[in-house]
Amino acid sequence: MQPLIKIEHRDGFTVAQVLTETIETENIAEFRRAIEPLVETPAHLVLDLSLVGFMDSTGLGALLSCLRRITSRGGTLRLAGLTPGVRKLFDMVKMDRVFDILPTADDLARATPPSR
């Protein structure tokens, strides 16, 4: 089975690229298992969603859960590379006000660097 997330470390951030086209009811358990190690420790995480063309409410709920867990441990979560369909969902339910969204994962230079 192909991994669901590819992890890199850049400039004090952990960049996790989601390697699936959807985050929805059908694969939410797999997504949660894959992301679990990244939200268990205080991290400065950038979740690259540039390959995700569709997300439903369960995917959105999983991201909100990740945000709560990471921030409760003193970390940060930023999202990057939202495709038009996913961006439309975020705008429609006003999650663009909840998450720090970068145009791409390469825009880390624009992000406030994490304290070391």
PDB file of N, CA and C in Angstrom:
ATOM      1  N   MET A   1       0.847  -1.188   0.000  1.00  0.00           N
ATOM      2  CA  MET A   1       0.000   0.000   0.000  1.00  0.00           C
ATOM      3  C   MET A   1       0.888   1.247   0.000  1.00  0.00           C
ATOM      4  N   GLN A   2       0.553   2.213  -0.829  1.00  0.00           N
ATOM      5  CA  GLN A   2       1.304   3.458  -0.935  1.00  0.00           C
ATOM      6  C   GLN A   2       1.064   4.315   0.309  1.00  0.00           C
ATOM      7  N   PRO A   3       2.119   4.975   0.819  1.00  0.00           N
ATOM      8  CA  PRO A   3       1.907   5.852   1.982  1.00  0.00           C
ATOM      9  C   PRO A   3       0.964   6.998   1.631  1.00  0.00           C
ATOM     10  N   LEU A   4       0.207   7.437   2.620  1.00  0.00           N
ATOM     11  CA  LEU A   4      -0.766   8.507   2.407  1.00  0.00           C
ATOM     12  C   LEU A   4      -0.132   9.887   2.584  1.00  0.00           C
ATOM     13  N   ILE A   5       0.990   9.943   3.301  1.00  0.00           N
ATOM     14  CA  ILE A   5       1.630  11.224   3.594  1.00  0.00           C
ATOM     15  C   ILE A   5       3.136  11.100   3.392  1.00  0.00           C
ATOM     16  N   LYS A   6       3.718  12.093   2.738  1.00  0.00           N
ATOM     17  CA  LYS A   6       5.171  12.183   2.560  1.00  0.00           C
ATOM     18  C   LYS A   6       5.663  13.334   3.438  1.00  0.00           C
ATOM     19  N   ILE A   7       6.670  13.073   4.252  1.00  0.00           N
ATOM     20  CA  ILE A   7       7.128  14.056   5.239  1.00  0.00           C
ATOM     21  C   ILE A   7       8.514  14.582   4.877  1.00  0.00           C
ATOM     22  N   GLU A   8       8.663  15.905   4.992  1.00  0.00           N
ATOM     23  CA  GLU A   8       9.954  16.587   4.838  1.00  0.00           C
ATOM     24  C   GLU A   8      10.103  17.559   6.003  1.00  0.00           C
ATOM     25  N   HIS A   9      11.334  17.917   6.305  1.00  0.00           N
ATOM     26  CA  HIS A   9      11.598  18.940   7.326  1.00  0.00           C
ATOM     27  C   HIS A   9      12.309  20.098   6.636  1.00  0.00           C
ATOM     28  N   ARG A  10      11.716  21.310   6.791  1.00  0.00           N
ATOM     29  CA  ARG A  10      12.261  22.509   6.156  1.00  0.00           C
ATOM     30  C   ARG A  10      12.137  23.700   7.083  1.00  0.00           C
ATOM     31  N   ASP A  11      13.225  24.385   7.297  1.00  0.00           N
ATOM     32  CA  ASP A  11      13.223  25.661   8.013  1.00  0.00           C
ATOM     33  C   ASP A  11      12.465  25.616   9.336  1.00  0.00           C
ATOM     34  N   GLY A  12      12.595  24.528  10.090  1.00  0.00           N
ATOM     35  CA  GLY A  12      11.922  24.409  11.378  1.00  0.00           C
ATOM     36  C   GLY A  12      10.483  23.924  11.289  1.00  0.00           C
ATOM     37  N   PHE A  13      10.010  23.666  10.087  1.00  0.00           N
ATOM     38  CA  PHE A  13       8.651  23.167   9.876  1.00  0.00           C
ATOM     39  C   PHE A  13       8.706  21.702   9.457  1.00  0.00           C
ATOM     40  N   THR A  14       7.677  20.963   9.800  1.00  0.00           N
ATOM     41  CA  THR A  14       7.453  19.641   9.225  1.00  0.00           C
ATOM     42  C   THR A  14       6.430  19.833   8.121  1.00  0.00           C
ATOM     43  N   VAL A  15       6.801  19.483   6.900  1.00  0.00           N
ATOM     44  CA  VAL A  15       5.901  19.611   5.751  1.00  0.00           C
ATOM     45  C   VAL A  15       5.404  18.212   5.413  1.00  0.00           C
ATOM     46  N   ALA A  16       4.097  18.027   5.496  1.00  0.00           N
ATOM     47  CA  ALA A  16       3.483  16.734   5.214  1.00  0.00           C
ATOM     48  C   ALA A  16       2.610  16.881   3.977  1.00  0.00           C
ATOM     49  N   GLN A  17       3.028  16.261   2.886  1.00  0.00           N
ATOM     50  CA  GLN A  17       2.235  16.306   1.663  1.00  0.00           C
ATOM     51  C   GLN A  17       1.268  15.128   1.663  1.00  0.00           C
ATOM     52  N   VAL A  18      -0.012  15.439   1.524  1.00  0.00           N
ATOM     53  CA  VAL A  18      -1.047  14.403   1.471  1.00  0.00           C
ATOM     54  C   VAL A  18      -1.056  13.842   0.054  1.00  0.00           C
ATOM     55  N   LEU A  19      -0.862  12.532  -0.076  1.00  0.00           N
ATOM     56  CA  LEU A  19      -0.700  11.876  -1.374  1.00  0.00           C
ATOM     57  C   LEU A  19      -1.958  11.148  -1.826  1.00  0.00           C
ATOM     58  N   THR A  20      -3.102  11.781  -1.625  1.00  0.00           N
ATOM     59  CA  THR A  20      -4.367  11.209  -2.076  1.00  0.00           C
ATOM     60  C   THR A  20      -5.194  12.319  -2.710  1.00  0.00           C
ATOM     61  N   GLU A  21      -6.102  11.942  -3.586  1.00  0.00           N
ATOM     62  CA  GLU A  21      -6.927  12.934  -4.275  1.00  0.00           C
ATOM     63  C   GLU A  21      -8.138  13.366  -3.458  1.00  0.00           C
ATOM     64  N   THR A  22      -8.488  12.595  -2.432  1.00  0.00           N
ATOM     65  CA  THR A  22      -9.654  12.933  -1.616  1.00  0.00           C
ATOM     66  C   THR A  22      -9.363  12.697  -0.140  1.00  0.00           C
ATOM     67  N   ILE A  23     -10.019  13.485   0.690  1.00  0.00           N
ATOM     68  CA  ILE A  23     -10.079  13.217   2.131  1.00  0.00           C
ATOM     69  C   ILE A  23     -11.566  13.230   2.448  1.00  0.00           C
ATOM     70  N   GLU A  24     -12.102  12.017   2.606  1.00  0.00           N
ATOM     71  CA  GLU A  24     -13.550  11.875   2.753  1.00  0.00           C
ATOM     72  C   GLU A  24     -13.858  10.634   3.577  1.00  0.00           C
ATOM     73  N   THR A  25     -15.120  10.365   3.749  1.00  0.00           N
ATOM     74  CA  THR A  25     -15.585   9.255   4.571  1.00  0.00           C
ATOM     75  C   THR A  25     -14.874   7.947   4.227  1.00  0.00           C
ATOM     76  N   GLU A  26     -14.676   7.673   2.947  1.00  0.00           N
ATOM     77  CA  GLU A  26     -14.083   6.400   2.528  1.00  0.00           C
ATOM     78  C   GLU A  26     -12.656   6.189   3.011  1.00  0.00           C
ATOM     79  N   ASN A  27     -11.875   7.266   3.153  1.00  0.00           N
ATOM     80  CA  ASN A  27     -10.472   7.088   3.544  1.00  0.00           C
ATOM     81  C   ASN A  27     -10.086   7.862   4.805  1.00  0.00           C
ATOM     82  N   ILE A  28     -11.082   8.337   5.549  1.00  0.00           N
ATOM     83  CA  ILE A  28     -10.785   9.171   6.719  1.00  0.00           C
ATOM     84  C   ILE A  28     -10.036   8.404   7.806  1.00  0.00           C
ATOM     85  N   ALA A  29     -10.350   7.141   8.012  1.00  0.00           N
ATOM     86  CA  ALA A  29      -9.639   6.360   9.035  1.00  0.00           C
ATOM     87  C   ALA A  29      -8.162   6.222   8.665  1.00  0.00           C
ATOM     88  N   GLU A  30      -7.889   5.979   7.396  1.00  0.00           N
ATOM     89  CA  GLU A  30      -6.509   5.865   6.928  1.00  0.00           C
ATOM     90  C   GLU A  30      -5.782   7.210   7.086  1.00  0.00           C
ATOM     91  N   PHE A  31      -6.463   8.311   6.749  1.00  0.00           N
ATOM     92  CA  PHE A  31      -5.868   9.638   6.906  1.00  0.00           C
ATOM     93  C   PHE A  31      -5.539   9.913   8.370  1.00  0.00           C
ATOM     94  N   ARG A  32      -6.463   9.627   9.247  1.00  0.00           N
ATOM     95  CA  ARG A  32      -6.229   9.869  10.682  1.00  0.00           C
ATOM     96  C   ARG A  32      -5.056   9.044  11.212  1.00  0.00           C
ATOM     97  N   ARG A  33      -4.954   7.790  10.775  1.00  0.00           N
ATOM     98  CA  ARG A  33      -3.809   6.956  11.192  1.00  0.00           C
ATOM     99  C   ARG A  33      -2.492   7.538  10.691  1.00  0.00           C
ATOM    100  N   ALA A  34      -2.491   8.032   9.467  1.00  0.00           N
ATOM    101  CA  ALA A  34      -1.269   8.578   8.873  1.00  0.00           C
ATOM    102  C   ALA A  34      -0.837   9.879   9.540  1.00  0.00           C
ATOM    103  N   ILE A  35      -1.792  10.704   9.934  1.00  0.00           N
ATOM    104  CA  ILE A  35      -1.475  12.020  10.498  1.00  0.00           C
ATOM    105  C   ILE A  35      -1.209  11.954  12.007  1.00  0.00           C
ATOM    106  N   GLU A  36      -1.669  10.905  12.657  1.00  0.00           N
ATOM    107  CA  GLU A  36      -1.587  10.766  14.118  1.00  0.00           C
ATOM    108  C   GLU A  36      -0.196  11.070  14.698  1.00  0.00           C
ATOM    109  N   PRO A  37       0.878  10.481  14.165  1.00  0.00           N
ATOM    110  CA  PRO A  37       2.192  10.765  14.759  1.00  0.00           C
ATOM    111  C   PRO A  37       2.589  12.239  14.682  1.00  0.00           C
ATOM    112  N   LEU A  38       2.072  12.953  13.697  1.00  0.00           N
ATOM    113  CA  LEU A  38       2.433  14.357  13.517  1.00  0.00           C
ATOM    114  C   LEU A  38       1.701  15.285  14.473  1.00  0.00           C
ATOM    115  N   VAL A  39       0.561  14.869  14.985  1.00  0.00           N
ATOM    116  CA  VAL A  39      -0.200  15.737  15.886  1.00  0.00           C
ATOM    117  C   VAL A  39       0.016  15.375  17.352  1.00  0.00           C
ATOM    118  N   GLU A  40       0.737  14.308  17.624  1.00  0.00           N
ATOM    119  CA  GLU A  40       0.972  13.875  19.000  1.00  0.00           C
ATOM    120  C   GLU A  40       2.085  14.639  19.692  1.00  0.00           C
ATOM    121  N   THR A  41       2.931  15.307  18.933  1.00  0.00           N
ATOM    122  CA  THR A  41       4.034  16.050  19.533  1.00  0.00           C
ATOM    123  C   THR A  41       3.885  17.515  19.163  1.00  0.00           C
ATOM    124  N   PRO A  42       4.435  18.409  19.966  1.00  0.00           N
ATOM    125  CA  PRO A  42       4.372  19.819  19.592  1.00  0.00           C
ATOM    126  C   PRO A  42       5.158  20.016  18.297  1.00  0.00           C
ATOM    127  N   ALA A  43       4.488  20.366  17.259  1.00  0.00           N
ATOM    128  CA  ALA A  43       5.130  20.503  15.960  1.00  0.00           C
ATOM    129  C   ALA A  43       4.687  21.785  15.284  1.00  0.00           C
ATOM    130  N   HIS A  44       5.480  22.200  14.343  1.00  0.00           N
ATOM    131  CA  HIS A  44       5.103  23.294  13.456  1.00  0.00           C
ATOM    132  C   HIS A  44       4.895  22.627  12.109  1.00  0.00           C
ATOM    133  N   LEU A  45       3.640  22.291  11.854  1.00  0.00           N
ATOM    134  CA  LEU A  45       3.271  21.444  10.729  1.00  0.00           C
ATOM    135  C   LEU A  45       2.648  22.256   9.607  1.00  0.00           C
ATOM    136  N   VAL A  46       3.082  21.971   8.392  1.00  0.00           N
ATOM    137  CA  VAL A  46       2.441  22.495   7.190  1.00  0.00           C
ATOM    138  C   VAL A  46       1.883  21.291   6.459  1.00  0.00           C
ATOM    139  N   LEU A  47       0.586  21.287   6.257  1.00  0.00           N
ATOM    140  CA  LEU A  47      -0.085  20.196   5.565  1.00  0.00           C
ATOM    141  C   LEU A  47      -0.313  20.630   4.119  1.00  0.00           C
ATOM    142  N   ASP A  48       0.409  20.008   3.196  1.00  0.00           N
ATOM    143  CA  ASP A  48       0.329  20.337   1.773  1.00  0.00           C
ATOM    144  C   ASP A  48      -0.812  19.535   1.157  1.00  0.00           C
ATOM    145  N   LEU A  49      -1.864  20.239   0.769  1.00  0.00           N
ATOM    146  CA  LEU A  49      -3.068  19.613   0.218  1.00  0.00           C
ATOM    147  C   LEU A  49      -3.168  19.797  -1.299  1.00  0.00           C
ATOM    148  N   SER A  50      -2.050  20.054  -1.952  1.00  0.00           N
ATOM    149  CA  SER A  50      -2.078  20.386  -3.381  1.00  0.00           C
ATOM    150  C   SER A  50      -2.551  19.247  -4.281  1.00  0.00           C
ATOM    151  N   LEU A  51      -2.544  18.014  -3.799  1.00  0.00           N
ATOM    152  CA  LEU A  51      -3.031  16.882  -4.602  1.00  0.00           C
ATOM    153  C   LEU A  51      -4.474  16.505  -4.267  1.00  0.00           C
ATOM    154  N   VAL A  52      -5.038  17.146  -3.239  1.00  0.00           N
ATOM    155  CA  VAL A  52      -6.392  16.815  -2.778  1.00  0.00           C
ATOM    156  C   VAL A  52      -7.407  17.659  -3.553  1.00  0.00           C
ATOM    157  N   GLY A  53      -8.161  17.006  -4.424  1.00  0.00           N
ATOM    158  CA  GLY A  53      -9.150  17.714  -5.232  1.00  0.00           C
ATOM    159  C   GLY A  53     -10.533  17.769  -4.613  1.00  0.00           C
ATOM    160  N   PHE A  54     -10.779  16.885  -3.628  1.00  0.00           N
ATOM    161  CA  PHE A  54     -12.096  16.843  -2.990  1.00  0.00           C
ATOM    162  C   PHE A  54     -11.943  16.520  -1.511  1.00  0.00           C
ATOM    163  N   MET A  55     -12.725  17.233  -0.705  1.00  0.00           N
ATOM    164  CA  MET A  55     -12.775  16.985   0.729  1.00  0.00           C
ATOM    165  C   MET A  55     -14.221  17.139   1.165  1.00  0.00           C
ATOM    166  N   ASP A  56     -14.689  16.212   2.012  1.00  0.00           N
ATOM    167  CA  ASP A  56     -16.040  16.348   2.540  1.00  0.00           C
ATOM    168  C   ASP A  56     -15.973  16.796   4.001  1.00  0.00           C
ATOM    169  N   SER A  57     -17.106  16.812   4.657  1.00  0.00           N
ATOM    170  CA  SER A  57     -17.162  17.316   6.037  1.00  0.00           C
ATOM    171  C   SER A  57     -16.345  16.457   6.996  1.00  0.00           C
ATOM    172  N   THR A  58     -16.196  15.166   6.727  1.00  0.00           N
ATOM    173  CA  THR A  58     -15.370  14.346   7.623  1.00  0.00           C
ATOM    174  C   THR A  58     -13.901  14.731   7.490  1.00  0.00           C
ATOM    175  N   GLY A  59     -13.469  15.078   6.293  1.00  0.00           N
ATOM    176  CA  GLY A  59     -12.104  15.552   6.094  1.00  0.00           C
ATOM    177  C   GLY A  59     -11.869  16.872   6.798  1.00  0.00           C
ATOM    178  N   LEU A  60     -12.829  17.763   6.677  1.00  0.00           N
ATOM    179  CA  LEU A  60     -12.733  19.058   7.355  1.00  0.00           C
ATOM    180  C   LEU A  60     -12.698  18.866   8.864  1.00  0.00           C
ATOM    181  N   GLY A  61     -13.538  17.977   9.369  1.00  0.00           N
ATOM    182  CA  GLY A  61     -13.542  17.687  10.806  1.00  0.00           C
ATOM    183  C   GLY A  61     -12.214  17.116  11.275  1.00  0.00           C
ATOM    184  N   ALA A  62     -11.599  16.270  10.466  1.00  0.00           N
ATOM    185  CA  ALA A  62     -10.299  15.703  10.829  1.00  0.00           C
ATOM    186  C   ALA A  62      -9.233  16.792  10.896  1.00  0.00           C
ATOM    187  N   LEU A  63      -9.273  17.748   9.970  1.00  0.00           N
ATOM    188  CA  LEU A  63      -8.312  18.847  10.002  1.00  0.00           C
ATOM    189  C   LEU A  63      -8.521  19.735  11.226  1.00  0.00           C
ATOM    190  N   LEU A  64      -9.777  19.993  11.575  1.00  0.00           N
ATOM    191  CA  LEU A  64     -10.062  20.779  12.780  1.00  0.00           C
ATOM    192  C   LEU A  64      -9.551  20.071  14.029  1.00  0.00           C
ATOM    193  N   SER A  65      -9.726  18.770  14.089  1.00  0.00           N
ATOM    194  CA  SER A  65      -9.221  17.984  15.211  1.00  0.00           C
ATOM    195  C   SER A  65      -7.700  18.082  15.290  1.00  0.00           C
ATOM    196  N   CYS A  66      -7.035  17.990  14.145  1.00  0.00           N
ATOM    197  CA  CYS A  66      -5.579  18.133  14.114  1.00  0.00           C
ATOM    198  C   CYS A  66      -5.156  19.507  14.623  1.00  0.00           C
ATOM    199  N   LEU A  67      -5.859  20.542  14.180  1.00  0.00           N
ATOM    200  CA  LEU A  67      -5.541  21.909  14.609  1.00  0.00           C
ATOM    201  C   LEU A  67      -5.656  22.043  16.123  1.00  0.00           C
ATOM    202  N   ARG A  68      -6.744  21.539  16.695  1.00  0.00           N
ATOM    203  CA  ARG A  68      -6.942  21.627  18.151  1.00  0.00           C
ATOM    204  C   ARG A  68      -5.845  20.886  18.900  1.00  0.00           C
ATOM    205  N   ARG A  69      -5.528  19.691  18.448  1.00  0.00           N
ATOM    206  CA  ARG A  69      -4.537  18.875  19.150  1.00  0.00           C
ATOM    207  C   ARG A  69      -3.146  19.481  19.058  1.00  0.00           C
ATOM    208  N   ILE A  70      -2.773  19.963  17.896  1.00  0.00           N
ATOM    209  CA  ILE A  70      -1.439  20.547  17.728  1.00  0.00           C
ATOM    210  C   ILE A  70      -1.303  21.834  18.541  1.00  0.00           C
ATOM    211  N   THR A  71      -2.302  22.710  18.465  1.00  0.00           N
ATOM    212  CA  THR A  71      -2.200  23.984  19.189  1.00  0.00           C
ATOM    213  C   THR A  71      -2.265  23.768  20.701  1.00  0.00           C
ATOM    214  N   SER A  72      -2.969  22.744  21.147  1.00  0.00           N
ATOM    215  CA  SER A  72      -3.020  22.478  22.592  1.00  0.00           C
ATOM    216  C   SER A  72      -1.664  22.019  23.129  1.00  0.00           C
ATOM    217  N   ARG A  73      -0.789  21.563  22.252  1.00  0.00           N
ATOM    218  CA  ARG A  73       0.550  21.129  22.643  1.00  0.00           C
ATOM    219  C   ARG A  73       1.604  22.195  22.339  1.00  0.00           C
ATOM    220  N   GLY A  74       1.157  23.386  21.932  1.00  0.00           N
ATOM    221  CA  GLY A  74       2.089  24.477  21.668  1.00  0.00           C
ATOM    222  C   GLY A  74       2.621  24.517  20.249  1.00  0.00           C
ATOM    223  N   GLY A  75       2.058  23.709  19.363  1.00  0.00           N
ATOM    224  CA  GLY A  75       2.508  23.704  17.977  1.00  0.00           C
ATOM    225  C   GLY A  75       1.629  24.570  17.102  1.00  0.00           C
ATOM    226  N   THR A  76       1.912  24.544  15.812  1.00  0.00           N
ATOM    227  CA  THR A  76       1.125  25.290  14.832  1.00  0.00           C
ATOM    228  C   THR A  76       0.779  24.377  13.665  1.00  0.00           C
ATOM    229  N   LEU A  77      -0.327  24.681  13.023  1.00  0.00           N
ATOM    230  CA  LEU A  77      -0.732  23.965  11.817  1.00  0.00           C
ATOM    231  C   LEU A  77      -1.087  24.984  10.757  1.00  0.00           C
ATOM    232  N   ARG A  78      -0.427  24.862   9.626  1.00  0.00           N
ATOM    233  CA  ARG A  78      -0.749  25.680   8.469  1.00  0.00           C
ATOM    234  C   ARG A  78      -1.133  24.741   7.338  1.00  0.00           C
ATOM    235  N   LEU A  79      -2.003  25.211   6.477  1.00  0.00           N
ATOM    236  CA  LEU A  79      -2.394  24.443   5.294  1.00  0.00           C
ATOM    237  C   LEU A  79      -1.796  25.125   4.074  1.00  0.00           C
ATOM    238  N   ALA A  80      -1.460  24.339   3.067  1.00  0.00           N
ATOM    239  CA  ALA A  80      -0.860  24.904   1.851  1.00  0.00           C
ATOM    240  C   ALA A  80      -1.427  24.215   0.624  1.00  0.00           C
ATOM    241  N   GLY A  81      -1.454  24.973  -0.474  1.00  0.00           N
ATOM    242  CA  GLY A  81      -1.779  24.415  -1.767  1.00  0.00           C
ATOM    243  C   GLY A  81      -3.211  23.941  -1.941  1.00  0.00           C
ATOM    244  N   LEU A  82      -4.160  24.643  -1.343  1.00  0.00           N
ATOM    245  CA  LEU A  82      -5.561  24.231  -1.500  1.00  0.00           C
ATOM    246  C   LEU A  82      -5.973  24.327  -2.960  1.00  0.00           C
ATOM    247  N   THR A  83      -6.516  23.230  -3.479  1.00  0.00           N
ATOM    248  CA  THR A  83      -7.022  23.217  -4.849  1.00  0.00           C
ATOM    249  C   THR A  83      -8.335  24.015  -4.897  1.00  0.00           C
ATOM    250  N   PRO A  84      -8.788  24.417  -6.069  1.00  0.00           N
ATOM    251  CA  PRO A  84      -9.996  25.251  -6.139  1.00  0.00           C
ATOM    252  C   PRO A  84     -11.216  24.647  -5.434  1.00  0.00           C
ATOM    253  N   GLY A  85     -11.453  23.355  -5.576  1.00  0.00           N
ATOM    254  CA  GLY A  85     -12.611  22.740  -4.929  1.00  0.00           C
ATOM    255  C   GLY A  85     -12.514  22.748  -3.416  1.00  0.00           C
ATOM    256  N   VAL A  86     -11.325  22.463  -2.911  1.00  0.00           N
ATOM    257  CA  VAL A  86     -11.120  22.463  -1.455  1.00  0.00           C
ATOM    258  C   VAL A  86     -11.170  23.903  -0.932  1.00  0.00           C
ATOM    259  N   ARG A  87     -10.587  24.831  -1.660  1.00  0.00           N
ATOM    260  CA  ARG A  87     -10.622  26.238  -1.252  1.00  0.00           C
ATOM    261  C   ARG A  87     -12.062  26.746  -1.186  1.00  0.00           C
ATOM    262  N   LYS A  88     -12.879  26.335  -2.145  1.00  0.00           N
ATOM    263  CA  LYS A  88     -14.287  26.755  -2.165  1.00  0.00           C
ATOM    264  C   LYS A  88     -15.005  26.253  -0.910  1.00  0.00           C
ATOM    265  N   LEU A  89     -14.751  25.001  -0.513  1.00  0.00           N
ATOM    266  CA  LEU A  89     -15.335  24.453   0.711  1.00  0.00           C
ATOM    267  C   LEU A  89     -14.899  25.277   1.926  1.00  0.00           C
ATOM    268  N   PHE A  90     -13.605  25.572   2.029  1.00  0.00           N
ATOM    269  CA  PHE A  90     -13.096  26.353   3.157  1.00  0.00           C
ATOM    270  C   PHE A  90     -13.721  27.736   3.210  1.00  0.00           C
ATOM    271  N   ASP A  91     -13.850  28.385   2.057  1.00  0.00           N
ATOM    272  CA  ASP A  91     -14.460  29.715   2.009  1.00  0.00           C
ATOM    273  C   ASP A  91     -15.939  29.647   2.387  1.00  0.00           C
ATOM    274  N   MET A  92     -16.639  28.626   1.876  1.00  0.00           N
ATOM    275  CA  MET A  92     -18.077  28.502   2.093  1.00  0.00           C
ATOM    276  C   MET A  92     -18.408  28.327   3.579  1.00  0.00           C
ATOM    277  N   VAL A  93     -17.609  27.535   4.295  1.00  0.00           N
ATOM    278  CA  VAL A  93     -17.883  27.290   5.718  1.00  0.00           C
ATOM    279  C   VAL A  93     -16.994  28.142   6.630  1.00  0.00           C
ATOM    280  N   LYS A  94     -16.337  29.133   6.021  1.00  0.00           N
ATOM    281  CA  LYS A  94     -15.541  30.129   6.742  1.00  0.00           C
ATOM    282  C   LYS A  94     -14.348  29.541   7.500  1.00  0.00           C
ATOM    283  N   MET A  95     -13.842  28.410   7.047  1.00  0.00           N
ATOM    284  CA  MET A  95     -12.653  27.815   7.659  1.00  0.00           C
ATOM    285  C   MET A  95     -11.387  28.536   7.234  1.00  0.00           C
ATOM    286  N   ASP A  96     -11.509  29.397   6.209  1.00  0.00           N
ATOM    287  CA  ASP A  96     -10.369  30.217   5.816  1.00  0.00           C
ATOM    288  C   ASP A  96     -10.035  31.231   6.919  1.00  0.00           C
ATOM    289  N   ARG A  97     -10.958  31.442   7.846  1.00  0.00           N
ATOM    290  CA  ARG A  97     -10.719  32.330   8.994  1.00  0.00           C
ATOM    291  C   ARG A  97     -10.108  31.583  10.176  1.00  0.00           C
ATOM    292  N   VAL A  98     -10.195  30.268  10.150  1.00  0.00           N
ATOM    293  CA  VAL A  98      -9.719  29.430  11.256  1.00  0.00           C
ATOM    294  C   VAL A  98      -8.282  28.966  11.013  1.00  0.00           C
ATOM    295  N   PHE A  99      -7.989  28.611   9.767  1.00  0.00           N
ATOM    296  CA  PHE A  99      -6.677  28.072   9.413  1.00  0.00           C
ATOM    297  C   PHE A  99      -5.800  29.138   8.783  1.00  0.00           C
ATOM    298  N   ASP A 100      -4.496  29.046   9.048  1.00  0.00           N
ATOM    299  CA  ASP A 100      -3.501  29.847   8.347  1.00  0.00           C
ATOM    300  C   ASP A 100      -3.218  29.100   7.047  1.00  0.00           C
ATOM    301  N   ILE A 101      -3.547  29.722   5.903  1.00  0.00           N
ATOM    302  CA  ILE A 101      -3.449  29.048   4.608  1.00  0.00           C
ATOM    303  C   ILE A 101      -2.378  29.734   3.763  1.00  0.00           C
ATOM    304  N   LEU A 102      -1.418  28.926   3.310  1.00  0.00           N
ATOM    305  CA  LEU A 102      -0.350  29.402   2.434  1.00  0.00           C
ATOM    306  C   LEU A 102      -0.687  29.006   0.995  1.00  0.00           C
ATOM    307  N   PRO A 103      -0.305  29.830   0.022  1.00  0.00           N
ATOM    308  CA  PRO A 103      -0.564  29.455  -1.371  1.00  0.00           C
ATOM    309  C   PRO A 103       0.056  28.099  -1.735  1.00  0.00           C
ATOM    310  N   THR A 104       1.323  27.890  -1.350  1.00  0.00           N
ATOM    311  CA  THR A 104       1.994  26.612  -1.586  1.00  0.00           C
ATOM    312  C   THR A 104       2.902  26.314  -0.401  1.00  0.00           C
ATOM    313  N   ALA A 105       3.339  25.079  -0.296  1.00  0.00           N
ATOM    314  CA  ALA A 105       4.269  24.713   0.772  1.00  0.00           C
ATOM    315  C   ALA A 105       5.605  25.434   0.597  1.00  0.00           C
ATOM    316  N   ASP A 106       5.918  25.857  -0.605  1.00  0.00           N
ATOM    317  CA  ASP A 106       7.160  26.598  -0.844  1.00  0.00           C
ATOM    318  C   ASP A 106       7.096  28.028  -0.308  1.00  0.00           C
ATOM    319  N   ASP A 107       5.935  28.471   0.138  1.00  0.00           N
ATOM    320  CA  ASP A 107       5.768  29.820   0.679  1.00  0.00           C
ATOM    321  C   ASP A 107       6.085  29.895   2.162  1.00  0.00           C
ATOM    322  N   LEU A 108       6.858  28.954   2.671  1.00  0.00           N
ATOM    323  CA  LEU A 108       7.220  28.982   4.092  1.00  0.00           C
ATOM    324  C   LEU A 108       7.981  30.242   4.460  1.00  0.00           C
ATOM    325  N   ALA A 109       8.683  30.831   3.495  1.00  0.00           N
ATOM    326  CA  ALA A 109       9.419  32.052   3.783  1.00  0.00           C
ATOM    327  C   ALA A 109       8.472  33.162   4.244  1.00  0.00           C
ATOM    328  N   ARG A 110       7.219  33.111   3.790  1.00  0.00           N
ATOM    329  CA  ARG A 110       6.206  34.095   4.188  1.00  0.00           C
ATOM    330  C   ARG A 110       5.657  33.810   5.578  1.00  0.00           C
ATOM    331  N   ALA A 111       5.754  32.568   5.989  1.00  0.00           N
ATOM    332  CA  ALA A 111       5.209  32.175   7.295  1.00  0.00           C
ATOM    333  C   ALA A 111       6.138  32.629   8.409  1.00  0.00           C
ATOM    334  N   THR A 112       5.555  32.915   9.551  1.00  0.00           N
ATOM    335  CA  THR A 112       6.364  33.266  10.703  1.00  0.00           C
ATOM    336  C   THR A 112       7.146  32.039  11.128  1.00  0.00           C
ATOM    337  N   PRO A 113       8.464  32.161  11.216  1.00  0.00           N
ATOM    338  CA  PRO A 113       9.227  30.977  11.613  1.00  0.00           C
ATOM    339  C   PRO A 113       8.877  30.535  13.018  1.00  0.00           C
ATOM    340  N   PRO A 114       8.875  29.255  13.255  1.00  0.00           N
ATOM    341  CA  PRO A 114       8.585  28.755  14.606  1.00  0.00           C
ATOM    342  C   PRO A 114       9.729  29.101  15.544  1.00  0.00           C
ATOM    343  N   SER A 115       9.412  29.281  16.834  1.00  0.00           N
ATOM    344  CA  SER A 115      10.466  29.488  17.826  1.00  0.00           C
ATOM    345  C   SER A 115      11.191  28.174  18.025  1.00  0.00           C
ATOM    346  N   ARG A 116      12.419  28.265  18.240  1.00  0.00           N
ATOM    347  CA  ARG A 116      13.226  27.053  18.400  1.00  0.00           C
ATOM    348  C   ARG A 116      13.520  26.803  19.836  1.00  0.00           C
TER     349      ARG A 116
END
